[in-house]
């Protein structure tokens, strides 16, 4: 299992003092994985890097990025209808 270490967030700028709200610790990393579908038993077979990679990939897949058109306006998405398929 992972050891209990405190890790500074990437936005800490290398400061020696770590704000309690910004502190990333093993418990928070484990909780993030559990929230995203990993199980306690997975922590026995995965390294901390594998666990974090899973969380990052899950976030990338499930977080929708706002797309913009050539004028910089947000693109609105909708489900295709039969008329869209017929026009295609």
Protein backbone atom coordinates (compact mmCIF):
# COMPACT_ATOMS: atom_id res chain seq x y z
CA UNK A 1 0.00 0.00 0.00
CA UNK A 2 1.05 3.61 -0.42
CA UNK A 3 3.05 5.31 2.29
CA UNK A 4 1.65 8.36 4.07
CA UNK A 5 3.51 11.31 2.57
CA UNK A 6 2.48 14.90 2.01
CA UNK A 7 2.87 16.12 -1.54
CA UNK A 8 2.85 19.75 -2.62
CA UNK A 9 0.39 20.74 -5.30
CA UNK A 10 1.81 21.92 -8.61
CA UNK A 11 0.47 25.43 -7.96
CA UNK A 12 2.40 25.84 -4.71
CA UNK A 13 5.34 27.38 -6.56
CA UNK A 14 7.83 25.43 -4.49
CA UNK A 15 6.91 27.25 -1.29
CA UNK A 16 8.07 25.59 1.90
CA UNK A 17 4.75 26.12 3.65
CA UNK A 18 1.86 24.07 2.34
CA UNK A 19 -1.64 25.43 2.85
CA UNK A 20 -3.86 22.73 4.38
CA UNK A 21 -6.51 23.27 1.65
CA UNK A 22 -3.98 22.85 -1.17
CA UNK A 23 -2.18 19.92 0.43
CA UNK A 24 -2.28 16.74 -1.58
CA UNK A 25 -1.82 13.69 0.57
CA UNK A 26 -2.26 9.98 0.07
CA UNK A 27 -5.74 10.03 1.58
CA UNK A 28 -6.92 12.60 -0.97
CA UNK A 29 -5.34 10.67 -3.84
CA UNK A 30 -6.95 7.44 -2.66
CA UNK A 31 -10.31 9.18 -2.25
CA UNK A 32 -10.08 10.59 -5.78
CA UNK A 33 -9.53 7.09 -7.17
CA UNK A 34 -12.35 5.62 -5.11
CA UNK A 35 -14.69 8.38 -6.33
CA UNK A 36 -13.81 7.41 -9.89
CA UNK A 37 -14.50 3.69 -9.55
CA UNK A 38 -11.31 2.17 -8.22
CA UNK A 39 -11.54 -0.22 -5.27
CA UNK A 40 -9.49 -0.58 -2.11
CA UNK A 41 -8.06 -3.85 -3.46
CA UNK A 42 -6.73 -1.98 -6.50
CA UNK A 43 -4.39 -0.04 -4.22
CA UNK A 44 -2.65 -3.32 -3.36
CA UNK A 45 -1.80 -4.04 -7.00
CA UNK A 46 -1.26 -0.52 -8.38
CA UNK A 47 1.59 1.89 -7.79
CA UNK A 48 0.84 5.47 -6.77
CA UNK A 49 1.74 6.56 -10.30
CA UNK A 50 -0.72 4.11 -11.83
CA UNK A 51 -3.43 5.30 -9.43
CA UNK A 52 -2.81 8.97 -10.30
CA UNK A 53 -2.67 8.18 -14.03
CA UNK A 54 -6.06 6.49 -13.76
CA UNK A 55 -7.56 9.54 -12.02
CA UNK A 56 -6.09 11.89 -14.65
CA UNK A 57 -7.33 9.76 -17.56
CA UNK A 58 -10.80 9.45 -15.99
CA UNK A 59 -10.94 13.23 -15.63
CA UNK A 60 -9.85 13.73 -19.25
CA UNK A 61 -12.51 11.35 -20.57
CA UNK A 62 -15.35 12.61 -18.39
CA UNK A 63 -14.64 16.34 -18.46
CA UNK A 64 -16.02 18.14 -21.44
CA UNK A 65 -13.76 20.87 -22.79
CA UNK A 66 -15.46 23.95 -24.17
CA UNK A 67 -14.85 24.20 -27.90
CA UNK A 68 -14.80 27.52 -29.73
CA UNK A 69 -15.39 28.34 -33.36
CA UNK A 70 -13.04 30.41 -35.52
CA UNK A 71 -14.58 33.63 -34.12
CA UNK A 72 -13.95 32.55 -30.54
CA UNK A 73 -17.61 31.88 -29.73
CA UNK A 74 -18.54 28.70 -27.83
CA UNK A 75 -19.76 25.84 -30.03
CA UNK A 76 -23.08 24.37 -28.97
CA UNK A 77 -23.46 20.61 -29.33
CA UNK A 78 -26.71 18.72 -29.90
CA UNK A 79 -27.67 15.17 -30.67
CA UNK A 80 -27.94 14.36 -34.34
CA UNK A 81 -31.44 13.80 -35.68
CA UNK A 82 -32.59 11.63 -38.56
CA UNK A 83 -32.69 14.75 -40.73
CA UNK A 84 -28.99 15.31 -40.02
CA UNK A 85 -28.19 11.76 -41.15
CA UNK A 86 -30.33 12.16 -44.27
CA UNK A 87 -28.53 15.41 -45.17
CA UNK A 88 -25.18 13.73 -44.64
